[in-house]
């Protein structure tokens, strides 16, 4: 019984360690286009710059790509006109499902959330 518990513990520990050992670096690159006269607030998330990168952990390039697509979300439709989101997984450029470098080209709500500066 004790041996089974130890084996189970070792299996769980190995699985958890393996999960963390294979996580890769996912760099999400943001480039925003602001609505007219809204640059300051639109670029605030990039510390006042039009472009910046944020780094996350991902278990695969596919997971990194999924995070990139979700980064296209635009709640501030009268502030940010559009976004271009690129991604690198372990320093290698990855592409959206349509072959584009810009993950917002496959974002399902792009038509609803982009180019709405006038309200």
PDB file of N, CA and C in Angstrom:
ATOM      1  N   UNK A   1       0.828  -1.185   0.000  1.00  0.00           N
ATOM      2  CA  UNK A   1       0.000   0.000   0.000  1.00  0.00           C
ATOM      3  C   UNK A   1       0.874   1.250   0.000  1.00  0.00           C
ATOM      4  N   UNK A   2       1.907   1.248   0.869  1.00  0.00           N
ATOM      5  CA  UNK A   2       2.804   2.376   0.954  1.00  0.00           C
ATOM      6  C   UNK A   2       3.560   2.570  -0.365  1.00  0.00           C
ATOM      7  N   UNK A   3       3.952   1.484  -0.985  1.00  0.00           N
ATOM      8  CA  UNK A   3       4.665   1.538  -2.251  1.00  0.00           C
ATOM      9  C   UNK A   3       3.773   2.131  -3.352  1.00  0.00           C
ATOM     10  N   UNK A   4       2.510   1.749  -3.357  1.00  0.00           N
ATOM     11  CA  UNK A   4       1.567   2.292  -4.345  1.00  0.00           C
ATOM     12  C   UNK A   4       1.405   3.801  -4.152  1.00  0.00           C
ATOM     13  N   UNK A   5       1.318   4.244  -2.906  1.00  0.00           N
ATOM     14  CA  UNK A   5       1.188   5.671  -2.618  1.00  0.00           C
ATOM     15  C   UNK A   5       2.416   6.430  -3.113  1.00  0.00           C
ATOM     16  N   UNK A   6       3.589   5.882  -2.858  1.00  0.00           N
ATOM     17  CA  UNK A   6       4.826   6.524  -3.295  1.00  0.00           C
ATOM     18  C   UNK A   6       4.878   6.576  -4.824  1.00  0.00           C
ATOM     19  N   UNK A   7       4.500   5.495  -5.479  1.00  0.00           N
ATOM     20  CA  UNK A   7       4.491   5.472  -6.952  1.00  0.00           C
ATOM     21  C   UNK A   7       3.505   6.489  -7.508  1.00  0.00           C
ATOM     22  N   UNK A   8       2.345   6.583  -6.899  1.00  0.00           N
ATOM     23  CA  UNK A   8       1.337   7.556  -7.336  1.00  0.00           C
ATOM     24  C   UNK A   8       1.858   8.977  -7.143  1.00  0.00           C
ATOM     25  N   UNK A   9       2.446   9.241  -5.981  1.00  0.00           N
ATOM     26  CA  UNK A   9       3.022  10.547  -5.708  1.00  0.00           C
ATOM     27  C   UNK A   9       4.094  10.901  -6.735  1.00  0.00           C
ATOM     28  N   UNK A  10       4.965   9.971  -7.028  1.00  0.00           N
ATOM     29  CA  UNK A  10       6.033  10.197  -8.007  1.00  0.00           C
ATOM     30  C   UNK A  10       5.460  10.459  -9.400  1.00  0.00           C
ATOM     31  N   UNK A  11       4.430   9.738  -9.770  1.00  0.00           N
ATOM     32  CA  UNK A  11       3.805   9.939 -11.081  1.00  0.00           C
ATOM     33  C   UNK A  11       3.196  11.339 -11.178  1.00  0.00           C
ATOM     34  N   UNK A  12       2.493  11.747 -10.145  1.00  0.00           N
ATOM     35  CA  UNK A  12       1.884  13.088 -10.143  1.00  0.00           C
ATOM     36  C   UNK A  12       2.967  14.158 -10.168  1.00  0.00           C
ATOM     37  N   UNK A  13       3.996  14.003  -9.349  1.00  0.00           N
ATOM     38  CA  UNK A  13       5.095  14.959  -9.316  1.00  0.00           C
ATOM     39  C   UNK A  13       5.778  15.058 -10.681  1.00  0.00           C
ATOM     40  N   UNK A  14       6.036  13.922 -11.302  1.00  0.00           N
ATOM     41  CA  UNK A  14       6.672  13.895 -12.617  1.00  0.00           C
ATOM     42  C   UNK A  14       5.804  14.595 -13.656  1.00  0.00           C
ATOM     43  N   UNK A  15       4.497  14.340 -13.621  1.00  0.00           N
ATOM     44  CA  UNK A  15       3.582  14.989 -14.557  1.00  0.00           C
ATOM     45  C   UNK A  15       3.604  16.503 -14.370  1.00  0.00           C
ATOM     46  N   UNK A  16       3.541  16.950 -13.126  1.00  0.00           N
ATOM     47  CA  UNK A  16       3.536  18.384 -12.854  1.00  0.00           C
ATOM     48  C   UNK A  16       4.845  19.020 -13.269  1.00  0.00           C
ATOM     49  N   UNK A  17       5.955  18.380 -12.975  1.00  0.00           N
ATOM     50  CA  UNK A  17       7.256  18.912 -13.337  1.00  0.00           C
ATOM     51  C   UNK A  17       7.403  18.966 -14.850  1.00  0.00           C
ATOM     52  N   UNK A  18       6.958  17.933 -15.539  1.00  0.00           N
ATOM     53  CA  UNK A  18       7.029  17.889 -16.994  1.00  0.00           C
ATOM     54  C   UNK A  18       6.199  19.009 -17.604  1.00  0.00           C
ATOM     55  N   UNK A  19       5.034  19.263 -17.050  1.00  0.00           N
ATOM     56  CA  UNK A  19       4.158  20.326 -17.541  1.00  0.00           C
ATOM     57  C   UNK A  19       4.871  21.669 -17.501  1.00  0.00           C
ATOM     58  N   UNK A  20       5.565  21.958 -16.401  1.00  0.00           N
ATOM     59  CA  UNK A  20       6.264  23.226 -16.266  1.00  0.00           C
ATOM     60  C   UNK A  20       7.550  23.241 -17.078  1.00  0.00           C
ATOM     61  N   UNK A  21       8.187  22.106 -17.206  1.00  0.00           N
ATOM     62  CA  UNK A  21       9.453  22.042 -17.919  1.00  0.00           C
ATOM     63  C   UNK A  21       9.274  22.326 -19.404  1.00  0.00           C
ATOM     64  N   UNK A  22       8.132  22.034 -19.957  1.00  0.00           N
ATOM     65  CA  UNK A  22       7.926  22.216 -21.382  1.00  0.00           C
ATOM     66  C   UNK A  22       7.173  23.489 -21.729  1.00  0.00           C
ATOM     67  N   UNK A  23       6.869  24.335 -20.754  1.00  0.00           N
ATOM     68  CA  UNK A  23       6.218  25.605 -21.053  1.00  0.00           C
ATOM     69  C   UNK A  23       7.209  26.481 -21.797  1.00  0.00           C
ATOM     70  N   UNK A  24       6.715  27.157 -22.827  1.00  0.00           N
ATOM     71  CA  UNK A  24       7.570  28.023 -23.620  1.00  0.00           C
ATOM     72  C   UNK A  24       7.199  29.477 -23.433  1.00  0.00           C
ATOM     73  N   UNK A  25       8.042  30.335 -23.957  1.00  0.00           N
ATOM     74  CA  UNK A  25       7.799  31.773 -23.876  1.00  0.00           C
ATOM     75  C   UNK A  25       6.922  32.209 -25.038  1.00  0.00           C
ATOM     76  N   UNK A  26       5.852  32.899 -24.706  1.00  0.00           N
ATOM     77  CA  UNK A  26       4.932  33.422 -25.713  1.00  0.00           C
ATOM     78  C   UNK A  26       4.987  34.947 -25.658  1.00  0.00           C
ATOM     79  N   UNK A  27       5.472  35.555 -26.715  1.00  0.00           N
ATOM     80  CA  UNK A  27       5.530  37.014 -26.797  1.00  0.00           C
ATOM     81  C   UNK A  27       4.368  37.497 -27.658  1.00  0.00           C
ATOM     82  N   UNK A  28       3.495  38.278 -27.057  1.00  0.00           N
ATOM     83  CA  UNK A  28       2.370  38.880 -27.787  1.00  0.00           C
ATOM     84  C   UNK A  28       2.767  40.319 -28.101  1.00  0.00           C
ATOM     85  N   UNK A  29       2.799  40.655 -29.375  1.00  0.00           N
ATOM     86  CA  UNK A  29       3.181  41.999 -29.813  1.00  0.00           C
ATOM     87  C   UNK A  29       1.922  42.774 -30.208  1.00  0.00           C
ATOM     88  N   UNK A  30       1.714  43.906 -29.558  1.00  0.00           N
ATOM     89  CA  UNK A  30       0.539  44.745 -29.785  1.00  0.00           C
ATOM     90  C   UNK A  30       0.928  45.989 -30.568  1.00  0.00           C
ATOM     91  N   UNK A  31       0.148  46.331 -31.575  1.00  0.00           N
ATOM     92  CA  UNK A  31       0.261  47.617 -32.242  1.00  0.00           C
ATOM     93  C   UNK A  31      -1.156  48.154 -32.387  1.00  0.00           C
ATOM     94  N   UNK A  32      -1.412  49.279 -31.749  1.00  0.00           N
ATOM     95  CA  UNK A  32      -2.754  49.865 -31.763  1.00  0.00           C
ATOM     96  C   UNK A  32      -2.813  51.048 -32.718  1.00  0.00           C
ATOM     97  N   UNK A  33      -3.972  51.235 -33.323  1.00  0.00           N
ATOM     98  CA  UNK A  33      -4.296  52.449 -34.059  1.00  0.00           C
ATOM     99  C   UNK A  33      -5.411  53.111 -33.272  1.00  0.00           C
ATOM    100  N   UNK A  34      -5.175  54.337 -32.853  1.00  0.00           N
ATOM    101  CA  UNK A  34      -6.160  55.013 -32.012  1.00  0.00           C
ATOM    102  C   UNK A  34      -7.204  55.725 -32.865  1.00  0.00           C
ATOM    103  N   UNK A  35      -8.323  55.993 -32.255  1.00  0.00           N
ATOM    104  CA  UNK A  35      -9.305  56.878 -32.865  1.00  0.00           C
ATOM    105  C   UNK A  35      -8.714  58.292 -32.831  1.00  0.00           C
ATOM    106  N   UNK A  36      -9.195  59.190 -33.703  1.00  0.00           N
ATOM    107  CA  UNK A  36      -8.646  60.556 -33.735  1.00  0.00           C
ATOM    108  C   UNK A  36      -8.673  61.215 -32.350  1.00  0.00           C
ATOM    109  N   UNK A  37      -7.533  61.801 -31.998  1.00  0.00           N
ATOM    110  CA  UNK A  37      -7.353  62.533 -30.736  1.00  0.00           C
ATOM    111  C   UNK A  37      -7.495  61.660 -29.494  1.00  0.00           C
ATOM    112  N   UNK A  38      -7.336  60.346 -29.615  1.00  0.00           N
ATOM    113  CA  UNK A  38      -7.450  59.429 -28.473  1.00  0.00           C
ATOM    114  C   UNK A  38      -6.145  58.663 -28.240  1.00  0.00           C
ATOM    115  N   UNK A  39      -5.052  59.158 -28.809  1.00  0.00           N
ATOM    116  CA  UNK A  39      -3.783  58.446 -28.718  1.00  0.00           C
ATOM    117  C   UNK A  39      -3.370  58.193 -27.263  1.00  0.00           C
ATOM    118  N   UNK A  40      -3.468  59.206 -26.430  1.00  0.00           N
ATOM    119  CA  UNK A  40      -2.994  59.077 -25.048  1.00  0.00           C
ATOM    120  C   UNK A  40      -3.683  57.920 -24.321  1.00  0.00           C
ATOM    121  N   UNK A  41      -4.978  57.847 -24.406  1.00  0.00           N
ATOM    122  CA  UNK A  41      -5.704  56.785 -23.694  1.00  0.00           C
ATOM    123  C   UNK A  41      -5.588  55.441 -24.418  1.00  0.00           C
ATOM    124  N   UNK A  42      -5.562  55.468 -25.752  1.00  0.00           N
ATOM    125  CA  UNK A  42      -5.455  54.223 -26.511  1.00  0.00           C
ATOM    126  C   UNK A  42      -4.112  53.541 -26.271  1.00  0.00           C
ATOM    127  N   UNK A  43      -3.057  54.320 -26.167  1.00  0.00           N
ATOM    128  CA  UNK A  43      -1.710  53.769 -26.030  1.00  0.00           C
ATOM    129  C   UNK A  43      -1.309  53.572 -24.570  1.00  0.00           C
ATOM    130  N   UNK A  44      -2.189  53.872 -23.643  1.00  0.00           N
ATOM    131  CA  UNK A  44      -1.878  53.778 -22.217  1.00  0.00           C
ATOM    132  C   UNK A  44      -1.428  52.371 -21.819  1.00  0.00           C
ATOM    133  N   UNK A  45      -2.041  51.352 -22.400  1.00  0.00           N
ATOM    134  CA  UNK A  45      -1.687  49.972 -22.035  1.00  0.00           C
ATOM    135  C   UNK A  45      -0.276  49.602 -22.472  1.00  0.00           C
ATOM    136  N   UNK A  46       0.307  50.400 -23.366  1.00  0.00           N
ATOM    137  CA  UNK A  46       1.701  50.207 -23.791  1.00  0.00           C
ATOM    138  C   UNK A  46       2.573  51.351 -23.266  1.00  0.00           C
ATOM    139  N   UNK A  47       2.189  51.881 -22.114  1.00  0.00           N
ATOM    140  CA  UNK A  47       2.941  52.952 -21.467  1.00  0.00           C
ATOM    141  C   UNK A  47       3.153  54.140 -22.388  1.00  0.00           C
ATOM    142  N   UNK A  48       2.105  54.492 -23.120  1.00  0.00           N
ATOM    143  CA  UNK A  48       2.143  55.672 -23.978  1.00  0.00           C
ATOM    144  C   UNK A  48       2.675  55.440 -25.379  1.00  0.00           C
ATOM    145  N   UNK A  49       3.093  54.223 -25.673  1.00  0.00           N
ATOM    146  CA  UNK A  49       3.633  53.930 -27.004  1.00  0.00           C
ATOM    147  C   UNK A  49       2.577  53.203 -27.835  1.00  0.00           C
ATOM    148  N   UNK A  50       2.692  53.327 -29.135  1.00  0.00           N
ATOM    149  CA  UNK A  50       1.741  52.667 -30.032  1.00  0.00           C
ATOM    150  C   UNK A  50       1.928  51.156 -30.022  1.00  0.00           C
ATOM    151  N   UNK A  51       3.152  50.702 -29.816  1.00  0.00           N
ATOM    152  CA  UNK A  51       3.451  49.264 -29.861  1.00  0.00           C
ATOM    153  C   UNK A  51       4.202  48.828 -28.606  1.00  0.00           C
ATOM    154  N   UNK A  52       3.963  47.591 -28.225  1.00  0.00           N
ATOM    155  CA  UNK A  52       4.699  46.992 -27.110  1.00  0.00           C
ATOM    156  C   UNK A  52       4.499  45.486 -27.154  1.00  0.00           C
ATOM    157  N   UNK A  53       5.231  44.791 -26.293  1.00  0.00           N
ATOM    158  CA  UNK A  53       5.110  43.337 -26.173  1.00  0.00           C
ATOM    159  C   UNK A  53       4.780  42.973 -24.745  1.00  0.00           C
ATOM    160  N   UNK A  54       4.049  41.883 -24.609  1.00  0.00           N
ATOM    161  CA  UNK A  54       3.779  41.302 -23.297  1.00  0.00           C
ATOM    162  C   UNK A  54       4.176  39.832 -23.386  1.00  0.00           C
ATOM    163  N   UNK A  55       4.712  39.321 -22.299  1.00  0.00           N
ATOM    164  CA  UNK A  55       5.237  37.959 -22.290  1.00  0.00           C
ATOM    165  C   UNK A  55       4.404  37.075 -21.369  1.00  0.00           C
ATOM    166  N   UNK A  56       4.092  35.888 -21.870  1.00  0.00           N
ATOM    167  CA  UNK A  56       3.308  34.915 -21.118  1.00  0.00           C
ATOM    168  C   UNK A  56       3.925  33.549 -21.327  1.00  0.00           C
ATOM    169  N   UNK A  57       3.506  32.585 -20.520  1.00  0.00           N
ATOM    170  CA  UNK A  57       3.938  31.208 -20.725  1.00  0.00           C
ATOM    171  C   UNK A  57       2.858  30.452 -21.474  1.00  0.00           C
ATOM    172  N   UNK A  58       3.275  29.573 -22.366  1.00  0.00           N
ATOM    173  CA  UNK A  58       2.345  28.740 -23.124  1.00  0.00           C
ATOM    174  C   UNK A  58       2.955  27.355 -23.267  1.00  0.00           C
ATOM    175  N   UNK A  59       2.096  26.357 -23.304  1.00  0.00           N
ATOM    176  CA  UNK A  59       2.597  24.987 -23.426  1.00  0.00           C
ATOM    177  C   UNK A  59       2.868  24.601 -24.875  1.00  0.00           C
ATOM    178  N   UNK A  60       2.388  25.424 -25.834  1.00  0.00           N
ATOM    179  CA  UNK A  60       2.600  25.120 -27.249  1.00  0.00           C
ATOM    180  C   UNK A  60       2.434  26.389 -28.078  1.00  0.00           C
ATOM    181  N   UNK A  61       2.866  26.315 -29.318  1.00  0.00           N
ATOM    182  CA  UNK A  61       2.659  27.437 -30.234  1.00  0.00           C
ATOM    183  C   UNK A  61       1.166  27.666 -30.467  1.00  0.00           C
ATOM    184  N   UNK A  62       0.394  26.585 -30.488  1.00  0.00           N
ATOM    185  CA  UNK A  62      -1.052  26.710 -30.671  1.00  0.00           C
ATOM    186  C   UNK A  62      -1.676  27.497 -29.517  1.00  0.00           C
ATOM    187  N   UNK A  63      -1.274  27.185 -28.286  1.00  0.00           N
ATOM    188  CA  UNK A  63      -1.803  27.915 -27.129  1.00  0.00           C
ATOM    189  C   UNK A  63      -1.394  29.387 -27.192  1.00  0.00           C
ATOM    190  N   UNK A  64      -0.176  29.646 -27.612  1.00  0.00           N
ATOM    191  CA  UNK A  64       0.294  31.020 -27.774  1.00  0.00           C
ATOM    192  C   UNK A  64      -0.560  31.749 -28.821  1.00  0.00           C
ATOM    193  N   UNK A  65      -0.858  31.069 -29.915  1.00  0.00           N
ATOM    194  CA  UNK A  65      -1.709  31.651 -30.952  1.00  0.00           C
ATOM    195  C   UNK A  65      -3.115  31.950 -30.442  1.00  0.00           C
ATOM    196  N   UNK A  66      -3.641  31.068 -29.621  1.00  0.00           N
ATOM    197  CA  UNK A  66      -4.965  31.296 -29.040  1.00  0.00           C
ATOM    198  C   UNK A  66      -4.948  32.519 -28.129  1.00  0.00           C
ATOM    199  N   UNK A  67      -3.876  32.683 -27.366  1.00  0.00           N
ATOM    200  CA  UNK A  67      -3.750  33.864 -26.518  1.00  0.00           C
ATOM    201  C   UNK A  67      -3.627  35.126 -27.375  1.00  0.00           C
ATOM    202  N   UNK A  68      -2.945  35.011 -28.505  1.00  0.00           N
ATOM    203  CA  UNK A  68      -2.800  36.154 -29.400  1.00  0.00           C
ATOM    204  C   UNK A  68      -4.159  36.577 -29.959  1.00  0.00           C
ATOM    205  N   UNK A  69      -4.958  35.614 -30.384  1.00  0.00           N
ATOM    206  CA  UNK A  69      -6.295  35.937 -30.905  1.00  0.00           C
ATOM    207  C   UNK A  69      -7.135  36.613 -29.826  1.00  0.00           C
ATOM    208  N   UNK A  70      -7.090  36.084 -28.608  1.00  0.00           N
ATOM    209  CA  UNK A  70      -7.894  36.687 -27.539  1.00  0.00           C
ATOM    210  C   UNK A  70      -7.396  38.084 -27.177  1.00  0.00           C
ATOM    211  N   UNK A  71      -6.151  38.404 -27.493  1.00  0.00           N
ATOM    212  CA  UNK A  71      -5.606  39.734 -27.243  1.00  0.00           C
ATOM    213  C   UNK A  71      -6.168  40.776 -28.204  1.00  0.00           C
ATOM    214  N   UNK A  72      -6.851  40.339 -29.236  1.00  0.00           N
ATOM    215  CA  UNK A  72      -7.462  41.261 -30.198  1.00  0.00           C
ATOM    216  C   UNK A  72      -8.706  41.947 -29.637  1.00  0.00           C
ATOM    217  N   UNK A  73      -9.247  41.388 -28.567  1.00  0.00           N
ATOM    218  CA  UNK A  73     -10.470  41.942 -27.978  1.00  0.00           C
ATOM    219  C   UNK A  73     -10.315  43.443 -27.759  1.00  0.00           C
ATOM    220  N   UNK A  74     -11.332  44.209 -28.145  1.00  0.00           N
ATOM    221  CA  UNK A  74     -11.299  45.669 -28.028  1.00  0.00           C
ATOM    222  C   UNK A  74     -12.572  46.149 -27.339  1.00  0.00           C
ATOM    223  N   UNK A  75     -12.468  46.400 -26.040  1.00  0.00           N
ATOM    224  CA  UNK A  75     -13.618  46.901 -25.285  1.00  0.00           C
ATOM    225  C   UNK A  75     -13.793  48.401 -25.467  1.00  0.00           C
ATOM    226  N   UNK A  76     -12.730  49.091 -25.851  1.00  0.00           N
ATOM    227  CA  UNK A  76     -12.757  50.551 -25.972  1.00  0.00           C
ATOM    228  C   UNK A  76     -12.902  50.944 -27.441  1.00  0.00           C
ATOM    229  N   UNK A  77     -14.053  50.642 -28.017  1.00  0.00           N
ATOM    230  CA  UNK A  77     -14.255  50.806 -29.460  1.00  0.00           C
ATOM    231  C   UNK A  77     -14.223  52.258 -29.921  1.00  0.00           C
ATOM    232  N   UNK A  78     -14.507  53.211 -29.038  1.00  0.00           N
ATOM    233  CA  UNK A  78     -14.450  54.621 -29.430  1.00  0.00           C
ATOM    234  C   UNK A  78     -13.102  55.245 -29.082  1.00  0.00           C
ATOM    235  N   UNK A  79     -12.171  54.434 -28.606  1.00  0.00           N
ATOM    236  CA  UNK A  79     -10.828  54.895 -28.243  1.00  0.00           C
ATOM    237  C   UNK A  79      -9.776  54.259 -29.151  1.00  0.00           C
ATOM    238  N   UNK A  80      -9.853  52.943 -29.330  1.00  0.00           N
ATOM    239  CA  UNK A  80      -8.895  52.218 -30.164  1.00  0.00           C
ATOM    240  C   UNK A  80      -9.596  51.762 -31.441  1.00  0.00           C
ATOM    241  N   UNK A  81      -9.117  52.276 -32.558  1.00  0.00           N
ATOM    242  CA  UNK A  81      -9.722  51.960 -33.857  1.00  0.00           C
ATOM    243  C   UNK A  81      -9.464  50.512 -34.250  1.00  0.00           C
ATOM    244  N   UNK A  82      -8.219  50.058 -34.070  1.00  0.00           N
ATOM    245  CA  UNK A  82      -7.885  48.679 -34.447  1.00  0.00           C
ATOM    246  C   UNK A  82      -6.598  48.256 -33.764  1.00  0.00           C
ATOM    247  N   UNK A  83      -6.317  46.977 -33.865  1.00  0.00           N
ATOM    248  CA  UNK A  83      -5.083  46.402 -33.332  1.00  0.00           C
ATOM    249  C   UNK A  83      -4.497  45.455 -34.363  1.00  0.00           C
ATOM    250  N   UNK A  84      -3.194  45.340 -34.316  1.00  0.00           N
ATOM    251  CA  UNK A  84      -2.476  44.286 -35.026  1.00  0.00           C
ATOM    252  C   UNK A  84      -1.755  43.510 -33.937  1.00  0.00           C
ATOM    253  N   UNK A  85      -2.009  42.213 -33.894  1.00  0.00           N
ATOM    254  CA  UNK A  85      -1.394  41.356 -32.889  1.00  0.00           C
ATOM    255  C   UNK A  85      -0.539  40.307 -33.592  1.00  0.00           C
ATOM    256  N   UNK A  86       0.754  40.322 -33.261  1.00  0.00           N
ATOM    257  CA  UNK A  86       1.687  39.314 -33.757  1.00  0.00           C
ATOM    258  C   UNK A  86       2.159  38.499 -32.564  1.00  0.00           C
ATOM    259  N   UNK A  87       2.680  37.312 -32.823  1.00  0.00           N
ATOM    260  CA  UNK A  87       3.119  36.460 -31.718  1.00  0.00           C
ATOM    261  C   UNK A  87       4.365  35.671 -32.084  1.00  0.00           C
ATOM    262  N   UNK A  88       5.182  35.467 -31.072  1.00  0.00           N
ATOM    263  CA  UNK A  88       6.354  34.615 -31.186  1.00  0.00           C
ATOM    264  C   UNK A  88       6.272  33.567 -30.087  1.00  0.00           C
ATOM    265  N   UNK A  89       6.603  32.353 -30.444  1.00  0.00           N
ATOM    266  CA  UNK A  89       6.669  31.271 -29.458  1.00  0.00           C
ATOM    267  C   UNK A  89       8.104  30.788 -29.428  1.00  0.00           C
ATOM    268  N   UNK A  90       8.728  30.895 -28.273  1.00  0.00           N
ATOM    269  CA  UNK A  90      10.153  30.580 -28.124  1.00  0.00           C
ATOM    270  C   UNK A  90      10.983  31.287 -29.198  1.00  0.00           C
ATOM    271  N   UNK A  91      10.707  32.571 -29.362  1.00  0.00           N
ATOM    272  CA  UNK A  91      11.418  33.469 -30.284  1.00  0.00           C
ATOM    273  C   UNK A  91      11.218  33.144 -31.765  1.00  0.00           C
ATOM    274  N   UNK A  92      10.225  32.329 -32.093  1.00  0.00           N
ATOM    275  CA  UNK A  92       9.930  32.024 -33.499  1.00  0.00           C
ATOM    276  C   UNK A  92       8.558  32.583 -33.838  1.00  0.00           C
ATOM    277  N   UNK A  93       8.496  33.338 -34.942  1.00  0.00           N
ATOM    278  CA  UNK A  93       7.234  33.923 -35.392  1.00  0.00           C
ATOM    279  C   UNK A  93       6.222  32.814 -35.654  1.00  0.00           C
ATOM    280  N   UNK A  94       5.015  32.983 -35.153  1.00  0.00           N
ATOM    281  CA  UNK A  94       3.946  32.039 -35.472  1.00  0.00           C
ATOM    282  C   UNK A  94       2.865  32.777 -36.241  1.00  0.00           C
ATOM    283  N   UNK A  95       2.055  32.024 -36.957  1.00  0.00           N
ATOM    284  CA  UNK A  95       1.045  32.611 -37.831  1.00  0.00           C
ATOM    285  C   UNK A  95      -0.355  32.199 -37.396  1.00  0.00           C
ATOM    286  N   UNK A  96      -1.307  33.041 -37.756  1.00  0.00           N
ATOM    287  CA  UNK A  96      -2.713  32.747 -37.497  1.00  0.00           C
ATOM    288  C   UNK A  96      -3.155  31.592 -38.407  1.00  0.00           C
ATOM    289  N   UNK A  97      -4.323  31.069 -38.140  1.00  0.00           N
ATOM    290  CA  UNK A  97      -4.828  29.916 -38.904  1.00  0.00           C
ATOM    291  C   UNK A  97      -4.984  30.202 -40.397  1.00  0.00           C
ATOM    292  N   UNK A  98      -5.094  31.478 -40.781  1.00  0.00           N
ATOM    293  CA  UNK A  98      -5.210  31.828 -42.198  1.00  0.00           C
ATOM    294  C   UNK A  98      -3.855  32.128 -42.839  1.00  0.00           C
ATOM    295  N   UNK A  99      -2.768  31.932 -42.088  1.00  0.00           N
ATOM    296  CA  UNK A  99      -1.427  32.151 -42.610  1.00  0.00           C
ATOM    297  C   UNK A  99      -0.899  33.563 -42.405  1.00  0.00           C
ATOM    298  N   UNK A 100      -1.705  34.444 -41.849  1.00  0.00           N
ATOM    299  CA  UNK A 100      -1.306  35.832 -41.625  1.00  0.00           C
ATOM    300  C   UNK A 100      -0.468  35.961 -40.361  1.00  0.00           C
ATOM    301  N   UNK A 101       0.410  36.962 -40.349  1.00  0.00           N
ATOM    302  CA  UNK A 101       1.165  37.283 -39.135  1.00  0.00           C
ATOM    303  C   UNK A 101       0.268  37.983 -38.114  1.00  0.00           C
ATOM    304  N   UNK A 102      -0.807  38.623 -38.579  1.00  0.00           N
ATOM    305  CA  UNK A 102      -1.724  39.381 -37.724  1.00  0.00           C
ATOM    306  C   UNK A 102      -2.867  38.482 -37.256  1.00  0.00           C
ATOM    307  N   UNK A 103      -2.876  38.177 -35.966  1.00  0.00           N
ATOM    308  CA  UNK A 103      -3.896  37.291 -35.416  1.00  0.00           C
ATOM    309  C   UNK A 103      -5.287  37.934 -35.396  1.00  0.00           C
ATOM    310  N   UNK A 104      -5.360  39.249 -35.501  1.00  0.00           N
ATOM    311  CA  UNK A 104      -6.673  39.907 -35.515  1.00  0.00           C
ATOM    312  C   UNK A 104      -7.420  39.658 -36.825  1.00  0.00           C
ATOM    313  N   UNK A 105      -6.722  39.143 -37.831  1.00  0.00           N
ATOM    314  CA  UNK A 105      -7.404  38.815 -39.091  1.00  0.00           C
ATOM    315  C   UNK A 105      -8.304  37.594 -38.947  1.00  0.00           C
ATOM    316  N   UNK A 106      -8.128  36.836 -37.866  1.00  0.00           N
ATOM    317  CA  UNK A 106      -8.993  35.677 -37.625  1.00  0.00           C
ATOM    318  C   UNK A 106      -9.875  35.874 -36.390  1.00  0.00           C
ATOM    319  N   UNK A 107      -9.808  37.064 -35.802  1.00  0.00           N
ATOM    320  CA  UNK A 107     -10.621  37.363 -34.626  1.00  0.00           C
ATOM    321  C   UNK A 107     -12.083  37.528 -35.068  1.00  0.00           C
ATOM    322  N   UNK A 108     -12.964  36.719 -34.506  1.00  0.00           N
ATOM    323  CA  UNK A 108     -14.359  36.664 -34.948  1.00  0.00           C
ATOM    324  C   UNK A 108     -15.129  37.963 -34.758  1.00  0.00           C
ATOM    325  N   UNK A 109     -14.776  38.765 -33.776  1.00  0.00           N
ATOM    326  CA  UNK A 109     -15.537  39.978 -33.498  1.00  0.00           C
ATOM    327  C   UNK A 109     -14.872  41.249 -34.030  1.00  0.00           C
ATOM    328  N   UNK A 110     -13.909  41.097 -34.930  1.00  0.00           N
ATOM    329  CA  UNK A 110     -13.187  42.258 -35.461  1.00  0.00           C
ATOM    330  C   UNK A 110     -14.138  43.269 -36.103  1.00  0.00           C
ATOM    331  N   UNK A 111     -15.101  42.808 -36.874  1.00  0.00           N
ATOM    332  CA  UNK A 111     -16.037  43.730 -37.535  1.00  0.00           C
ATOM    333  C   UNK A 111     -16.879  44.496 -36.517  1.00  0.00           C
ATOM    334  N   UNK A 112     -17.177  43.868 -35.393  1.00  0.00           N
ATOM    335  CA  UNK A 112     -17.979  44.522 -34.348  1.00  0.00           C
ATOM    336  C   UNK A 112     -17.160  45.481 -33.500  1.00  0.00           C
ATOM    337  N   UNK A 113     -15.869  45.211 -33.324  1.00  0.00           N
ATOM    338  CA  UNK A 113     -15.068  45.944 -32.352  1.00  0.00           C
ATOM    339  C   UNK A 113     -14.039  46.890 -32.969  1.00  0.00           C
ATOM    340  N   UNK A 114     -13.781  46.806 -34.252  1.00  0.00           N
ATOM    341  CA  UNK A 114     -12.787  47.670 -34.890  1.00  0.00           C
ATOM    342  C   UNK A 114     -13.490  48.678 -35.805  1.00  0.00           C
ATOM    343  N   UNK A 115     -12.823  49.798 -36.017  1.00  0.00           N
ATOM    344  CA  UNK A 115     -13.314  50.861 -36.899  1.00  0.00           C
ATOM    345  C   UNK A 115     -14.679  51.399 -36.455  1.00  0.00           C
ATOM    346  N   UNK A 116     -14.822  51.626 -35.146  1.00  0.00           N
ATOM    347  CA  UNK A 116     -16.078  52.126 -34.580  1.00  0.00           C
ATOM    348  C   UNK A 116     -15.864  53.458 -33.846  1.00  0.00           C
ATOM    349  N   UNK A 117     -14.908  54.227 -34.287  1.00  0.00           N
ATOM    350  CA  UNK A 117     -14.556  55.459 -33.588  1.00  0.00           C
ATOM    351  C   UNK A 117     -15.730  56.414 -33.439  1.00  0.00           C
ATOM    352  N   UNK A 118     -16.632  56.422 -34.362  1.00  0.00           N
ATOM    353  CA  UNK A 118     -17.771  57.335 -34.314  1.00  0.00           C
ATOM    354  C   UNK A 118     -18.896  56.831 -33.421  1.00  0.00           C
ATOM    355  N   UNK A 119     -18.712  55.656 -32.857  1.00  0.00           N
ATOM    356  CA  UNK A 119     -19.721  55.131 -31.944  1.00  0.00           C
ATOM    357  C   UNK A 119     -20.577  54.141 -32.560  1.00  0.00           C
TER     358      UNK A 119
END
